[in-house]
Amino acid sequence: MKTGCQWRLLPGDFPKWQIVYYYFSVWKNNETIEIIHESLVEETRKQKGKSEEPSVGIIDAQSVKNTLVSSENKGFDAGKKIKGIKRHIIVDTLGLVLAVVVQSASVQDRDGAADVVNKMLGSWKKIIKIFADGGYRGQLIKTIKTTFKIELEIVKRNELHTFKILPKRWIVERTFAWIDTNRRNSKNYERFNNTSVAMVHLSAIRIMLNRF
């Protein structure tokens, strides 16, 4: 994760790359990686004096460039001028990842939000409020309230155009920065969306383990 090397270039003190990749594939497909990640989120929250189950989330999306080998869900984000995929995540107030969904970069934030909220509720059912930026305003606020019984609060930008840290919003931006310190996530190198999701979870696992 940290160096972004190919499977065949794993350091010599690892087992054969085929064995490592085999277990990665099995754990990715049977959701073992996701289960480990969720357990560490609970432990990290307890260490910080918070309840295991979060009640507040912050949502945002990050457009990431594709590479020659990546193939699933390619699209073009006209706003960011990026051809690739979009990592759509929800984090808690500590910046810990609660859910991640990989979508085409052409999907607007408000159109892809329901999928990541639905994914989050599969594991974290006590969320009652989600903070978001202006890209999520409009009909989505009512949809999230009606469908998921969750309040979606829009954190508005500073209209004076001066630098100001936006409440809650900076937390999810910091999480993206944490994820990007792992070179494997600098671009989308993966052929399949579930591999891209697993790489985000492994990055988050690495960050939490370093804290312990």
N, C-alpha and C. Protein backbone atom coordinates (compact mmCIF):
# COMPACT_ATOMS: atom_id res chain seq x y z
N MET A 1 0.83 -1.21 0.00
CA MET A 1 0.00 0.00 0.00
C MET A 1 0.87 1.26 0.00
N LYS A 2 1.88 1.28 0.84
CA LYS A 2 2.68 2.50 1.01
C LYS A 2 3.51 2.82 -0.22
N THR A 3 4.18 1.82 -0.78
CA THR A 3 5.09 2.06 -1.90
C THR A 3 4.40 1.92 -3.25
N GLY A 4 3.27 1.21 -3.30
CA GLY A 4 2.55 1.05 -4.56
C GLY A 4 3.19 0.09 -5.53
N CYS A 5 4.00 -0.85 -5.03
CA CYS A 5 4.68 -1.78 -5.94
C CYS A 5 3.71 -2.83 -6.48
N GLN A 6 4.07 -3.44 -7.60
CA GLN A 6 3.26 -4.52 -8.17
C GLN A 6 3.39 -5.77 -7.32
N TRP A 7 2.40 -6.67 -7.46
CA TRP A 7 2.43 -7.90 -6.68
C TRP A 7 3.73 -8.67 -6.92
N ARG A 8 4.18 -8.70 -8.17
CA ARG A 8 5.38 -9.47 -8.50
C ARG A 8 6.65 -8.86 -7.92
N LEU A 9 6.57 -7.63 -7.43
CA LEU A 9 7.75 -6.96 -6.88
C LEU A 9 7.70 -6.85 -5.36
N LEU A 10 6.91 -7.69 -4.72
CA LEU A 10 6.88 -7.69 -3.25
C LEU A 10 8.27 -8.01 -2.70
N PRO A 11 8.65 -7.40 -1.58
CA PRO A 11 9.97 -7.65 -1.00
C PRO A 11 10.20 -9.14 -0.72
N GLY A 12 11.47 -9.52 -0.69
CA GLY A 12 11.83 -10.93 -0.56
C GLY A 12 11.41 -11.58 0.74
N ASP A 13 11.18 -10.78 1.80
CA ASP A 13 10.79 -11.39 3.07
C ASP A 13 9.30 -11.71 3.14
N PHE A 14 8.56 -11.42 2.06
CA PHE A 14 7.17 -11.86 1.96
C PHE A 14 7.14 -13.28 1.41
N PRO A 15 6.02 -13.99 1.58
CA PRO A 15 5.86 -15.26 0.85
C PRO A 15 5.83 -14.98 -0.65
N LYS A 16 5.77 -16.03 -1.47
CA LYS A 16 5.66 -15.85 -2.91
C LYS A 16 4.45 -14.97 -3.22
N TRP A 17 4.60 -14.10 -4.21
CA TRP A 17 3.54 -13.12 -4.49
C TRP A 17 2.22 -13.80 -4.83
N GLN A 18 2.29 -15.01 -5.44
CA GLN A 18 1.05 -15.71 -5.80
C GLN A 18 0.24 -16.07 -4.55
N ILE A 19 0.96 -16.43 -3.46
CA ILE A 19 0.27 -16.78 -2.21
C ILE A 19 -0.35 -15.54 -1.58
N VAL A 20 0.42 -14.44 -1.57
CA VAL A 20 -0.09 -13.20 -0.99
C VAL A 20 -1.32 -12.73 -1.77
N TYR A 21 -1.23 -12.77 -3.10
CA TYR A 21 -2.35 -12.32 -3.92
C TYR A 21 -3.55 -13.24 -3.76
N TYR A 22 -3.32 -14.53 -3.59
CA TYR A 22 -4.43 -15.47 -3.38
C TYR A 22 -5.23 -15.09 -2.14
N TYR A 23 -4.55 -14.85 -1.03
CA TYR A 23 -5.26 -14.50 0.21
C TYR A 23 -5.92 -13.13 0.11
N PHE A 24 -5.26 -12.21 -0.58
CA PHE A 24 -5.89 -10.91 -0.81
C PHE A 24 -7.21 -11.09 -1.56
N SER A 25 -7.19 -11.89 -2.61
CA SER A 25 -8.40 -12.10 -3.42
C SER A 25 -9.50 -12.77 -2.62
N VAL A 26 -9.14 -13.78 -1.83
CA VAL A 26 -10.14 -14.48 -1.02
C VAL A 26 -10.73 -13.54 0.02
N TRP A 27 -9.87 -12.82 0.74
CA TRP A 27 -10.36 -11.92 1.80
C TRP A 27 -11.14 -10.75 1.24
N LYS A 28 -10.78 -10.31 0.03
CA LYS A 28 -11.54 -9.25 -0.63
C LYS A 28 -12.95 -9.72 -0.96
N ASN A 29 -13.05 -10.92 -1.52
CA ASN A 29 -14.35 -11.41 -1.99
C ASN A 29 -15.26 -11.89 -0.88
N ASN A 30 -14.69 -12.40 0.23
CA ASN A 30 -15.55 -12.86 1.33
C ASN A 30 -15.71 -11.80 2.42
N GLU A 31 -15.22 -10.56 2.13
CA GLU A 31 -15.39 -9.38 2.98
C GLU A 31 -14.61 -9.46 4.29
N THR A 32 -13.60 -10.33 4.36
CA THR A 32 -12.75 -10.38 5.56
C THR A 32 -12.05 -9.06 5.80
N ILE A 33 -11.54 -8.44 4.72
CA ILE A 33 -10.85 -7.15 4.86
C ILE A 33 -11.79 -6.11 5.44
N GLU A 34 -13.04 -6.11 4.98
CA GLU A 34 -14.03 -5.14 5.47
C GLU A 34 -14.34 -5.39 6.94
N ILE A 35 -14.43 -6.65 7.34
CA ILE A 35 -14.73 -7.00 8.73
C ILE A 35 -13.59 -6.54 9.65
N ILE A 36 -12.35 -6.78 9.22
CA ILE A 36 -11.18 -6.32 10.00
C ILE A 36 -11.21 -4.80 10.14
N HIS A 37 -11.52 -4.13 9.04
CA HIS A 37 -11.58 -2.67 9.05
C HIS A 37 -12.61 -2.16 10.04
N GLU A 38 -13.81 -2.73 10.01
CA GLU A 38 -14.88 -2.28 10.91
C GLU A 38 -14.51 -2.53 12.37
N SER A 39 -13.85 -3.65 12.65
CA SER A 39 -13.44 -3.95 14.04
C SER A 39 -12.43 -2.92 14.53
N LEU A 40 -11.51 -2.52 13.66
CA LEU A 40 -10.52 -1.52 14.04
C LEU A 40 -11.13 -0.14 14.22
N VAL A 41 -12.16 0.18 13.42
CA VAL A 41 -12.88 1.44 13.62
C VAL A 41 -13.48 1.48 15.03
N GLU A 42 -14.11 0.38 15.43
CA GLU A 42 -14.70 0.31 16.77
C GLU A 42 -13.64 0.47 17.85
N GLU A 43 -12.50 -0.21 17.69
CA GLU A 43 -11.43 -0.14 18.69
C GLU A 43 -10.84 1.27 18.77
N THR A 44 -10.64 1.89 17.60
CA THR A 44 -10.08 3.24 17.57
C THR A 44 -11.02 4.24 18.23
N ARG A 45 -12.31 4.10 17.97
CA ARG A 45 -13.28 5.00 18.60
C ARG A 45 -13.28 4.82 20.12
N LYS A 46 -13.19 3.58 20.59
CA LYS A 46 -13.15 3.33 22.03
C LYS A 46 -11.91 3.96 22.66
N GLN A 47 -10.78 3.87 21.97
CA GLN A 47 -9.55 4.47 22.47
C GLN A 47 -9.69 5.98 22.64
N LYS A 48 -10.49 6.59 21.77
CA LYS A 48 -10.69 8.03 21.81
C LYS A 48 -11.85 8.44 22.74
N GLY A 49 -12.38 7.48 23.49
CA GLY A 49 -13.44 7.78 24.44
C GLY A 49 -14.81 7.94 23.81
N LYS A 50 -14.99 7.43 22.62
CA LYS A 50 -16.29 7.51 21.95
C LYS A 50 -16.96 6.15 21.92
N SER A 51 -18.27 6.14 21.68
CA SER A 51 -18.99 4.87 21.57
C SER A 51 -18.55 4.14 20.30
N GLU A 52 -18.68 2.82 20.29
CA GLU A 52 -18.25 2.03 19.14
C GLU A 52 -19.01 2.41 17.88
N GLU A 53 -20.30 2.72 18.03
CA GLU A 53 -21.15 3.04 16.89
C GLU A 53 -21.26 4.56 16.72
N PRO A 54 -20.82 5.10 15.59
CA PRO A 54 -20.95 6.55 15.36
C PRO A 54 -22.40 6.93 15.08
N SER A 55 -22.73 8.19 15.34
CA SER A 55 -24.08 8.69 15.05
C SER A 55 -24.06 9.80 14.00
N VAL A 56 -22.85 10.30 13.67
CA VAL A 56 -22.71 11.38 12.69
C VAL A 56 -21.68 10.97 11.64
N GLY A 57 -21.96 11.32 10.39
CA GLY A 57 -21.04 11.04 9.29
C GLY A 57 -20.79 12.28 8.46
N ILE A 58 -19.73 12.27 7.68
CA ILE A 58 -19.43 13.34 6.72
C ILE A 58 -19.17 12.67 5.38
N ILE A 59 -19.82 13.15 4.34
CA ILE A 59 -19.74 12.52 3.02
C ILE A 59 -19.00 13.42 2.04
N ASP A 60 -18.25 12.81 1.14
CA ASP A 60 -17.61 13.55 0.05
C ASP A 60 -17.12 12.55 -0.99
N ALA A 61 -16.73 13.06 -2.14
CA ALA A 61 -16.24 12.22 -3.23
C ALA A 61 -14.94 12.77 -3.77
N GLN A 62 -14.10 11.87 -4.27
CA GLN A 62 -12.79 12.24 -4.81
C GLN A 62 -12.63 11.59 -6.18
N SER A 63 -12.42 12.41 -7.20
CA SER A 63 -12.18 11.89 -8.55
C SER A 63 -10.71 11.52 -8.68
N VAL A 64 -10.45 10.33 -9.25
CA VAL A 64 -9.09 9.79 -9.34
C VAL A 64 -8.82 9.35 -10.78
N LYS A 65 -7.65 9.68 -11.29
CA LYS A 65 -7.29 9.32 -12.65
C LYS A 65 -7.13 7.81 -12.81
N ASN A 66 -7.59 7.30 -13.95
CA ASN A 66 -7.39 5.90 -14.29
C ASN A 66 -6.01 5.70 -14.90
N THR A 67 -5.59 4.44 -14.97
CA THR A 67 -4.35 4.06 -15.65
C THR A 67 -4.72 3.13 -16.81
N LEU A 68 -3.72 2.68 -17.54
CA LEU A 68 -3.98 1.83 -18.70
C LEU A 68 -4.63 0.50 -18.33
N VAL A 69 -4.34 0.00 -17.13
CA VAL A 69 -4.86 -1.33 -16.76
C VAL A 69 -6.24 -1.26 -16.14
N SER A 70 -6.63 -0.13 -15.58
CA SER A 70 -7.95 -0.04 -14.95
C SER A 70 -9.03 -0.02 -16.03
N SER A 71 -10.16 -0.68 -15.74
CA SER A 71 -11.15 -0.85 -16.81
C SER A 71 -12.59 -0.59 -16.39
N GLU A 72 -12.95 -0.86 -15.15
CA GLU A 72 -14.35 -0.77 -14.74
C GLU A 72 -14.75 0.67 -14.43
N ASN A 73 -15.94 1.07 -14.87
CA ASN A 73 -16.54 2.35 -14.50
C ASN A 73 -15.69 3.57 -14.86
N LYS A 74 -15.11 3.57 -16.02
CA LYS A 74 -14.39 4.76 -16.46
C LYS A 74 -15.38 5.87 -16.81
N GLY A 75 -15.01 7.10 -16.51
CA GLY A 75 -15.87 8.23 -16.83
C GLY A 75 -15.07 9.52 -16.77
N PHE A 76 -15.70 10.62 -17.11
CA PHE A 76 -15.01 11.91 -17.15
C PHE A 76 -15.70 12.90 -16.23
N ASP A 77 -14.96 13.42 -15.27
CA ASP A 77 -15.46 14.46 -14.37
C ASP A 77 -15.18 15.81 -15.03
N ALA A 78 -16.23 16.41 -15.59
CA ALA A 78 -16.05 17.66 -16.33
C ALA A 78 -15.59 18.80 -15.44
N GLY A 79 -16.02 18.79 -14.17
CA GLY A 79 -15.64 19.85 -13.25
C GLY A 79 -14.16 19.80 -12.87
N LYS A 80 -13.66 18.58 -12.59
CA LYS A 80 -12.26 18.41 -12.18
C LYS A 80 -11.34 18.12 -13.37
N LYS A 81 -11.94 17.90 -14.55
CA LYS A 81 -11.17 17.57 -15.76
C LYS A 81 -10.35 16.29 -15.54
N ILE A 82 -11.00 15.29 -14.95
CA ILE A 82 -10.32 14.02 -14.65
C ILE A 82 -11.08 12.87 -15.30
N LYS A 83 -10.35 12.01 -16.01
CA LYS A 83 -10.93 10.80 -16.58
C LYS A 83 -10.56 9.63 -15.70
N GLY A 84 -11.56 9.01 -15.10
CA GLY A 84 -11.27 7.90 -14.20
C GLY A 84 -12.47 7.49 -13.38
N ILE A 85 -12.23 7.27 -12.09
CA ILE A 85 -13.29 6.82 -11.18
C ILE A 85 -13.49 7.84 -10.06
N LYS A 86 -14.51 7.63 -9.30
CA LYS A 86 -14.80 8.51 -8.16
C LYS A 86 -14.89 7.65 -6.89
N ARG A 87 -14.06 7.99 -5.90
CA ARG A 87 -14.16 7.34 -4.59
C ARG A 87 -15.15 8.14 -3.76
N HIS A 88 -16.25 7.52 -3.41
CA HIS A 88 -17.30 8.18 -2.63
C HIS A 88 -17.26 7.59 -1.23
N ILE A 89 -16.98 8.42 -0.23
CA ILE A 89 -16.81 7.89 1.12
C ILE A 89 -17.66 8.65 2.14
N ILE A 90 -17.90 7.96 3.24
CA ILE A 90 -18.48 8.58 4.44
C ILE A 90 -17.53 8.27 5.60
N VAL A 91 -17.20 9.28 6.38
CA VAL A 91 -16.32 9.10 7.54
C VAL A 91 -17.05 9.56 8.80
N ASP A 92 -16.51 9.15 9.96
CA ASP A 92 -17.07 9.64 11.22
C ASP A 92 -16.36 10.92 11.61
N THR A 93 -16.62 11.43 12.80
CA THR A 93 -16.04 12.72 13.21
C THR A 93 -14.55 12.63 13.52
N LEU A 94 -14.00 11.41 13.59
CA LEU A 94 -12.56 11.22 13.75
C LEU A 94 -11.86 11.08 12.40
N GLY A 95 -12.65 11.01 11.34
CA GLY A 95 -12.08 10.81 10.01
C GLY A 95 -11.91 9.35 9.63
N LEU A 96 -12.49 8.44 10.42
CA LEU A 96 -12.40 7.01 10.12
C LEU A 96 -13.43 6.65 9.05
N VAL A 97 -13.02 5.86 8.08
CA VAL A 97 -13.88 5.50 6.96
C VAL A 97 -14.99 4.56 7.43
N LEU A 98 -16.24 4.95 7.14
CA LEU A 98 -17.40 4.12 7.48
C LEU A 98 -17.92 3.37 6.26
N ALA A 99 -17.76 3.96 5.08
CA ALA A 99 -18.23 3.31 3.85
C ALA A 99 -17.51 3.92 2.67
N VAL A 100 -17.25 3.09 1.67
CA VAL A 100 -16.65 3.57 0.43
C VAL A 100 -17.28 2.84 -0.74
N VAL A 101 -17.64 3.59 -1.77
CA VAL A 101 -18.19 3.05 -3.00
C VAL A 101 -17.41 3.67 -4.16
N VAL A 102 -17.04 2.85 -5.13
CA VAL A 102 -16.33 3.35 -6.31
C VAL A 102 -17.32 3.48 -7.46
N GLN A 103 -17.36 4.65 -8.06
CA GLN A 103 -18.28 4.95 -9.15
C GLN A 103 -17.52 5.58 -10.32
N SER A 104 -18.20 5.76 -11.43
CA SER A 104 -17.61 6.47 -12.55
C SER A 104 -17.40 7.94 -12.17
N ALA A 105 -16.32 8.54 -12.66
CA ALA A 105 -16.05 9.94 -12.38
C ALA A 105 -17.12 10.86 -12.94
N SER A 106 -17.90 10.36 -13.91
CA SER A 106 -18.95 11.17 -14.52
C SER A 106 -20.20 11.29 -13.65
N VAL A 107 -20.30 10.46 -12.61
CA VAL A 107 -21.47 10.49 -11.72
C VAL A 107 -21.37 11.71 -10.81
N GLN A 108 -22.40 12.54 -10.81
CA GLN A 108 -22.41 13.70 -9.92
C GLN A 108 -22.54 13.25 -8.48
N ASP A 109 -21.97 14.04 -7.57
CA ASP A 109 -21.98 13.68 -6.15
C ASP A 109 -23.38 13.39 -5.65
N ARG A 110 -24.33 14.25 -5.99
CA ARG A 110 -25.69 14.07 -5.48
C ARG A 110 -26.36 12.81 -6.03
N ASP A 111 -25.94 12.39 -7.23
CA ASP A 111 -26.53 11.19 -7.83
C ASP A 111 -25.93 9.91 -7.26
N GLY A 112 -24.70 9.97 -6.80
CA GLY A 112 -24.06 8.78 -6.26
C GLY A 112 -24.16 8.65 -4.75
N ALA A 113 -24.72 9.65 -4.08
CA ALA A 113 -24.73 9.67 -2.61
C ALA A 113 -25.56 8.54 -2.01
N ALA A 114 -26.71 8.24 -2.61
CA ALA A 114 -27.61 7.24 -2.04
C ALA A 114 -26.93 5.88 -1.93
N ASP A 115 -26.10 5.53 -2.91
CA ASP A 115 -25.42 4.24 -2.89
C ASP A 115 -24.47 4.11 -1.71
N VAL A 116 -23.72 5.18 -1.43
CA VAL A 116 -22.75 5.09 -0.33
C VAL A 116 -23.45 5.16 1.02
N VAL A 117 -24.56 5.90 1.12
CA VAL A 117 -25.34 5.92 2.36
C VAL A 117 -25.93 4.53 2.63
N ASN A 118 -26.45 3.91 1.58
CA ASN A 118 -27.01 2.56 1.71
C ASN A 118 -25.94 1.57 2.14
N LYS A 119 -24.74 1.71 1.56
CA LYS A 119 -23.61 0.84 1.94
C LYS A 119 -23.24 1.05 3.40
N MET A 120 -23.20 2.28 3.86
CA MET A 120 -22.85 2.58 5.24
C MET A 120 -23.82 1.94 6.22
N LEU A 121 -25.11 2.02 5.90
CA LEU A 121 -26.13 1.50 6.82
C LEU A 121 -26.10 -0.02 6.94
N GLY A 122 -25.39 -0.68 6.03
CA GLY A 122 -25.23 -2.12 6.17
C GLY A 122 -24.40 -2.50 7.38
N SER A 123 -23.54 -1.57 7.84
CA SER A 123 -22.68 -1.84 8.99
C SER A 123 -22.91 -0.89 10.15
N TRP A 124 -23.26 0.37 9.85
CA TRP A 124 -23.39 1.40 10.88
C TRP A 124 -24.83 1.94 10.85
N LYS A 125 -25.66 1.41 11.72
CA LYS A 125 -27.10 1.68 11.65
C LYS A 125 -27.56 2.83 12.55
N LYS A 126 -26.64 3.41 13.34
CA LYS A 126 -27.05 4.45 14.28
C LYS A 126 -26.79 5.87 13.78
N ILE A 127 -26.39 6.01 12.53
CA ILE A 127 -26.14 7.33 11.96
C ILE A 127 -27.47 8.08 11.83
N ILE A 128 -27.54 9.29 12.39
CA ILE A 128 -28.77 10.09 12.31
C ILE A 128 -28.56 11.39 11.52
N LYS A 129 -27.27 11.76 11.30
CA LYS A 129 -27.00 13.00 10.56
C LYS A 129 -25.74 12.82 9.73
N ILE A 130 -25.78 13.41 8.52
CA ILE A 130 -24.61 13.42 7.64
C ILE A 130 -24.37 14.84 7.18
N PHE A 131 -23.11 15.29 7.29
CA PHE A 131 -22.73 16.61 6.80
C PHE A 131 -22.19 16.48 5.38
N ALA A 132 -22.47 17.49 4.55
CA ALA A 132 -22.03 17.46 3.16
C ALA A 132 -21.79 18.87 2.65
N ASP A 133 -21.11 18.97 1.50
CA ASP A 133 -20.90 20.29 0.90
C ASP A 133 -22.04 20.63 -0.06
N GLY A 134 -21.93 21.78 -0.74
CA GLY A 134 -23.02 22.26 -1.58
C GLY A 134 -23.35 21.38 -2.76
N GLY A 135 -22.44 20.47 -3.13
CA GLY A 135 -22.70 19.57 -4.24
C GLY A 135 -23.82 18.57 -3.97
N TYR A 136 -24.24 18.47 -2.72
CA TYR A 136 -25.28 17.50 -2.34
C TYR A 136 -26.63 18.16 -2.06
N ARG A 137 -26.72 19.45 -2.31
CA ARG A 137 -27.98 20.13 -2.00
C ARG A 137 -29.05 19.78 -3.04
N GLY A 138 -30.28 20.21 -2.73
CA GLY A 138 -31.39 19.95 -3.67
C GLY A 138 -32.28 18.82 -3.19
N GLN A 139 -32.85 18.10 -4.14
CA GLN A 139 -33.80 17.04 -3.87
C GLN A 139 -33.20 15.92 -3.02
N LEU A 140 -31.87 15.76 -3.09
CA LEU A 140 -31.21 14.69 -2.35
C LEU A 140 -31.48 14.78 -0.86
N ILE A 141 -31.57 15.99 -0.31
CA ILE A 141 -31.80 16.17 1.13
C ILE A 141 -33.10 15.48 1.54
N LYS A 142 -34.14 15.69 0.75
CA LYS A 142 -35.44 15.06 1.04
C LYS A 142 -35.38 13.56 0.81
N THR A 143 -34.66 13.13 -0.23
CA THR A 143 -34.56 11.70 -0.54
C THR A 143 -33.88 10.94 0.58
N ILE A 144 -32.77 11.49 1.09
CA ILE A 144 -32.04 10.82 2.18
C ILE A 144 -32.91 10.76 3.44
N LYS A 145 -33.66 11.84 3.71
CA LYS A 145 -34.53 11.88 4.88
C LYS A 145 -35.65 10.87 4.75
N THR A 146 -36.25 10.78 3.57
CA THR A 146 -37.39 9.88 3.37
C THR A 146 -36.97 8.42 3.31
N THR A 147 -35.90 8.15 2.57
CA THR A 147 -35.48 6.77 2.32
C THR A 147 -34.74 6.18 3.50
N PHE A 148 -33.83 6.95 4.10
CA PHE A 148 -32.94 6.40 5.12
C PHE A 148 -33.17 6.96 6.52
N LYS A 149 -34.10 7.92 6.66
CA LYS A 149 -34.38 8.55 7.96
C LYS A 149 -33.14 9.21 8.54
N ILE A 150 -32.34 9.84 7.67
CA ILE A 150 -31.11 10.51 8.08
C ILE A 150 -31.18 11.97 7.64
N GLU A 151 -30.78 12.88 8.53
CA GLU A 151 -30.75 14.29 8.18
C GLU A 151 -29.46 14.61 7.43
N LEU A 152 -29.59 15.24 6.27
CA LEU A 152 -28.44 15.66 5.49
C LEU A 152 -28.28 17.17 5.63
N GLU A 153 -27.20 17.59 6.30
CA GLU A 153 -26.97 19.02 6.53
C GLU A 153 -25.87 19.53 5.61
N ILE A 154 -26.19 20.59 4.87
CA ILE A 154 -25.24 21.18 3.94
C ILE A 154 -24.41 22.24 4.65
N VAL A 155 -23.09 22.10 4.60
CA VAL A 155 -22.17 23.09 5.17
C VAL A 155 -21.79 24.03 4.05
N LYS A 156 -22.25 25.28 4.15
CA LYS A 156 -22.05 26.25 3.08
C LYS A 156 -20.64 26.82 3.10
N ARG A 157 -20.16 27.17 1.90
CA ARG A 157 -18.85 27.80 1.78
C ARG A 157 -18.89 29.25 2.27
N ASN A 158 -17.73 29.78 2.55
CA ASN A 158 -17.61 31.17 2.97
C ASN A 158 -17.85 32.09 1.77
N GLU A 159 -18.94 32.84 1.80
CA GLU A 159 -19.31 33.68 0.67
C GLU A 159 -18.38 34.87 0.48
N LEU A 160 -17.52 35.17 1.46
CA LEU A 160 -16.58 36.29 1.35
C LEU A 160 -15.31 35.89 0.59
N HIS A 161 -15.20 34.59 0.25
CA HIS A 161 -14.06 34.08 -0.53
C HIS A 161 -12.73 34.28 0.19
N THR A 162 -12.76 34.25 1.49
CA THR A 162 -11.54 34.27 2.29
C THR A 162 -11.34 32.88 2.88
N PHE A 163 -10.08 32.57 3.21
CA PHE A 163 -9.81 31.22 3.71
C PHE A 163 -10.46 31.01 5.07
N LYS A 164 -11.18 29.90 5.17
CA LYS A 164 -11.82 29.55 6.44
C LYS A 164 -12.06 28.05 6.46
N ILE A 165 -11.67 27.40 7.55
CA ILE A 165 -11.91 25.97 7.68
C ILE A 165 -13.39 25.74 7.93
N LEU A 166 -14.01 24.95 7.07
CA LEU A 166 -15.45 24.70 7.20
C LEU A 166 -15.71 23.63 8.25
N PRO A 167 -16.64 23.89 9.19
CA PRO A 167 -16.93 22.92 10.23
C PRO A 167 -17.29 21.56 9.65
N LYS A 168 -16.69 20.49 10.18
CA LYS A 168 -16.92 19.10 9.78
C LYS A 168 -16.35 18.76 8.40
N ARG A 169 -16.47 19.67 7.44
CA ARG A 169 -16.08 19.36 6.07
C ARG A 169 -14.58 19.04 5.97
N TRP A 170 -13.75 19.69 6.76
CA TRP A 170 -12.31 19.46 6.67
C TRP A 170 -11.94 18.05 7.09
N ILE A 171 -12.80 17.41 7.87
CA ILE A 171 -12.49 16.07 8.39
C ILE A 171 -12.39 15.06 7.25
N VAL A 172 -13.36 15.08 6.35
CA VAL A 172 -13.35 14.13 5.24
C VAL A 172 -12.23 14.46 4.25
N GLU A 173 -11.92 15.75 4.09
CA GLU A 173 -10.81 16.12 3.22
C GLU A 173 -9.48 15.59 3.79
N ARG A 174 -9.36 15.63 5.10
CA ARG A 174 -8.15 15.09 5.75
C ARG A 174 -8.04 13.59 5.53
N THR A 175 -9.18 12.90 5.55
CA THR A 175 -9.16 11.46 5.32
C THR A 175 -8.68 11.14 3.91
N PHE A 176 -9.13 11.89 2.93
CA PHE A 176 -8.63 11.70 1.57
C PHE A 176 -7.12 11.90 1.52
N ALA A 177 -6.62 12.89 2.27
CA ALA A 177 -5.18 13.14 2.30
C ALA A 177 -4.44 11.96 2.93
N TRP A 178 -5.02 11.38 3.99
CA TRP A 178 -4.42 10.19 4.61
C TRP A 178 -4.35 9.04 3.61
N ILE A 179 -5.44 8.81 2.90
CA ILE A 179 -5.50 7.71 1.94
C ILE A 179 -4.47 7.92 0.84
N ASP A 180 -4.31 9.17 0.41
CA ASP A 180 -3.40 9.47 -0.70
C ASP A 180 -1.92 9.34 -0.32
N THR A 181 -1.61 9.27 0.98
CA THR A 181 -0.22 9.05 1.37
C THR A 181 0.23 7.63 1.02
N ASN A 182 -0.73 6.75 0.74
CA ASN A 182 -0.42 5.41 0.25
C ASN A 182 -0.36 5.47 -1.28
N ARG A 183 0.81 5.24 -1.85
CA ARG A 183 1.01 5.46 -3.28
C ARG A 183 0.12 4.58 -4.15
N ARG A 184 -0.32 3.47 -3.61
CA ARG A 184 -1.21 2.60 -4.38
C ARG A 184 -2.49 3.34 -4.75
N ASN A 185 -2.85 4.36 -3.98
CA ASN A 185 -4.09 5.11 -4.22
C ASN A 185 -3.87 6.41 -4.98
N SER A 186 -2.63 6.68 -5.41
CA SER A 186 -2.36 7.94 -6.10
C SER A 186 -3.12 8.03 -7.41
N LYS A 187 -3.33 6.88 -8.05
CA LYS A 187 -4.19 6.75 -9.22
C LYS A 187 -5.01 5.48 -9.04
N ASN A 188 -5.94 5.22 -9.97
CA ASN A 188 -6.70 3.98 -9.91
C ASN A 188 -5.98 2.93 -10.76
N TYR A 189 -5.26 2.03 -10.09
CA TYR A 189 -4.50 1.00 -10.79
C TYR A 189 -5.27 -0.31 -10.95
N GLU A 190 -6.49 -0.36 -10.42
CA GLU A 190 -7.19 -1.64 -10.30
C GLU A 190 -8.12 -1.90 -11.48
N ARG A 191 -8.25 -3.18 -11.84
CA ARG A 191 -9.14 -3.57 -12.94
C ARG A 191 -10.60 -3.61 -12.50
N PHE A 192 -10.85 -3.89 -11.21
CA PHE A 192 -12.21 -4.06 -10.73
C PHE A 192 -12.51 -3.11 -9.57
N ASN A 193 -13.76 -2.70 -9.49
CA ASN A 193 -14.16 -1.74 -8.44
C ASN A 193 -13.96 -2.31 -7.04
N ASN A 194 -14.26 -3.61 -6.86
CA ASN A 194 -14.14 -4.15 -5.50
C ASN A 194 -12.68 -4.21 -5.05
N THR A 195 -11.74 -4.27 -6.02
CA THR A 195 -10.32 -4.20 -5.65
C THR A 195 -9.97 -2.78 -5.21
N SER A 196 -10.50 -1.79 -5.91
CA SER A 196 -10.27 -0.39 -5.52
C SER A 196 -10.81 -0.12 -4.12
N VAL A 197 -11.99 -0.66 -3.82
CA VAL A 197 -12.58 -0.50 -2.50
C VAL A 197 -11.70 -1.16 -1.44
N ALA A 198 -11.21 -2.38 -1.75
CA ALA A 198 -10.35 -3.09 -0.80
C ALA A 198 -9.07 -2.31 -0.52
N MET A 199 -8.53 -1.63 -1.54
CA MET A 199 -7.31 -0.85 -1.35
C MET A 199 -7.54 0.33 -0.41
N VAL A 200 -8.72 0.94 -0.49
CA VAL A 200 -9.05 2.02 0.44
C VAL A 200 -9.17 1.48 1.86
N HIS A 201 -9.83 0.32 2.00
CA HIS A 201 -9.97 -0.28 3.33
C HIS A 201 -8.59 -0.65 3.90
N LEU A 202 -7.71 -1.22 3.07
CA LEU A 202 -6.38 -1.59 3.55
C LEU A 202 -5.58 -0.35 3.96
N SER A 203 -5.74 0.74 3.22
CA SER A 203 -5.07 2.00 3.59
C SER A 203 -5.56 2.47 4.95
N ALA A 204 -6.88 2.40 5.16
CA ALA A 204 -7.46 2.82 6.43
C ALA A 204 -7.01 1.91 7.57
N ILE A 205 -6.92 0.61 7.29
CA ILE A 205 -6.43 -0.36 8.29
C ILE A 205 -5.00 -0.01 8.68
N ARG A 206 -4.16 0.27 7.69
CA ARG A 206 -2.77 0.62 7.95
C ARG A 206 -2.66 1.86 8.83
N ILE A 207 -3.49 2.86 8.55
CA ILE A 207 -3.48 4.10 9.34
C ILE A 207 -3.87 3.83 10.78
N MET A 208 -4.93 3.04 10.97
CA MET A 208 -5.40 2.75 12.33
C MET A 208 -4.40 1.90 13.09
N LEU A 209 -3.77 0.92 12.44
CA LEU A 209 -2.77 0.09 13.11
C LEU A 209 -1.57 0.93 13.56
N ASN A 210 -1.19 1.91 12.75
CA ASN A 210 -0.08 2.79 13.14
C ASN A 210 -0.43 3.57 14.40
N ARG A 211 -1.70 3.91 14.57
CA ARG A 211 -2.12 4.63 15.78
C ARG A 211 -1.99 3.75 17.02
N PHE A 212 -2.28 2.45 16.87
CA PHE A 212 -2.15 1.53 18.00
C PHE A 212 -0.68 1.33 18.38
